[in-house]
Protein backbone atom coordinates (compact mmCIF):
# COMPACT_ATOMS: atom_id res chain seq x y z
CA UNK A 1 -14.31 -15.34 11.32
CA UNK A 2 -15.60 -14.28 7.77
CA UNK A 3 -15.10 -16.39 5.36
CA UNK A 4 -14.57 -13.51 2.75
CA UNK A 5 -10.90 -12.39 2.23
CA UNK A 6 -10.05 -9.23 0.40
CA UNK A 7 -7.13 -9.36 -2.12
CA UNK A 8 -5.28 -6.74 -3.82
CA UNK A 9 -7.03 -7.40 -6.65
CA UNK A 10 -10.56 -6.59 -5.37
CA UNK A 11 -9.29 -3.29 -4.29
CA UNK A 12 -8.18 -2.77 -8.00
CA UNK A 13 -11.53 -3.79 -9.08
CA UNK A 14 -13.23 -1.50 -7.34
CA UNK A 15 -14.45 1.71 -9.02
CA UNK A 16 -12.43 3.89 -7.18
CA UNK A 17 -9.42 2.63 -8.41
CA UNK A 18 -10.40 2.20 -11.79
CA UNK A 19 -7.41 4.52 -13.06
CA UNK A 20 -5.17 2.60 -11.24
CA UNK A 21 -2.20 1.60 -12.68
CA UNK A 22 0.30 -1.22 -11.33
CA UNK A 23 3.91 -0.64 -11.83
CA UNK A 24 5.31 -2.85 -9.44
CA UNK A 25 4.53 -5.86 -7.60
CA UNK A 26 2.15 -7.82 -10.16
CA UNK A 27 3.19 -10.85 -8.42
CA UNK A 28 1.19 -9.60 -4.91
CA UNK A 29 -2.04 -8.92 -6.71
CA UNK A 30 -3.23 -11.78 -5.12
CA UNK A 31 -2.17 -10.87 -1.40
CA UNK A 32 -4.87 -10.56 1.05
CA UNK A 33 -5.38 -7.26 2.77
CA UNK A 34 -6.10 -7.77 6.36
CA UNK A 35 -6.82 -3.90 7.33
CA UNK A 36 -6.43 -0.50 5.07
CA UNK A 37 -4.82 2.73 6.70
CA UNK A 38 -4.71 5.95 5.20
CA UNK A 39 -1.50 7.88 5.91
CA UNK A 40 0.57 10.80 5.07
CA UNK A 41 3.62 9.83 7.21
CA UNK A 42 7.17 9.16 5.92
CA UNK A 43 8.08 6.68 8.45
CA UNK A 44 5.16 3.64 8.49
CA UNK A 45 7.23 0.70 9.83
CA UNK A 46 6.62 1.64 13.39
CA UNK A 47 2.63 1.79 12.92
CA UNK A 48 2.15 -0.85 11.01
CA UNK A 49 2.32 -4.95 11.34
CA UNK A 50 2.19 -5.96 7.70
CA UNK A 51 -0.10 -7.04 5.20
CA UNK A 52 -2.35 -3.65 5.08
CA UNK A 53 -2.79 -1.56 2.44
CA UNK A 54 -2.16 2.05 2.62
CA UNK A 55 -3.37 4.65 0.97
CA UNK A 56 -1.33 7.74 0.54
CA UNK A 57 -1.00 10.93 -1.81
CA UNK A 58 2.47 10.68 -1.36
CA UNK A 59 2.65 14.23 -0.72
CA UNK A 60 4.83 13.86 2.36
CA UNK A 61 7.47 11.83 0.11
CA UNK A 62 8.03 14.05 -2.46
CA UNK A 63 10.51 16.87 -1.08
CA UNK A 64 13.43 14.01 -0.04
CA UNK A 65 14.51 11.36 -2.33
CA UNK A 66 15.96 9.71 0.77
CA UNK A 67 12.45 9.65 2.43
CA UNK A 68 11.06 8.28 -0.64
CA UNK A 69 13.49 5.28 -0.41
CA UNK A 70 12.93 4.84 3.44
CA UNK A 71 9.20 4.66 2.55
CA UNK A 72 9.54 2.05 -0.24
CA UNK A 73 12.01 -0.41 2.02
CA UNK A 74 9.49 -0.03 4.70
CA UNK A 75 6.51 -0.76 2.45
CA UNK A 76 8.28 -3.84 0.72
CA UNK A 77 9.84 -4.98 4.16
CA UNK A 78 6.30 -4.95 6.09
CA UNK A 79 4.75 -6.77 3.01
CA UNK A 80 2.13 -3.95 2.29
CA UNK A 81 0.37 -2.44 -0.34
CA UNK A 82 0.27 1.08 -1.19
CA UNK A 83 -0.73 2.74 -4.55
CA UNK A 84 0.61 5.95 -4.73
CA UNK A 85 -1.25 8.71 -6.62
């Protein structure tokens, strides 16, 4: 196993995330990222184990506040990282 551990802060320092803004979860910036997923689905809790980075545009979340809340709650419960654009 590699001794390198990718942290959320490492991801945010990448040039592709230079305009990203942390609006919540500052205490999670030192969390390890075990895997990265690109998803455009609302119900992520059945597909992810935890401690992953989820990249999404959030397009599927813009039509329903209930879906948005469900998505955020699943992210919190699974200890996921998720920048929204």
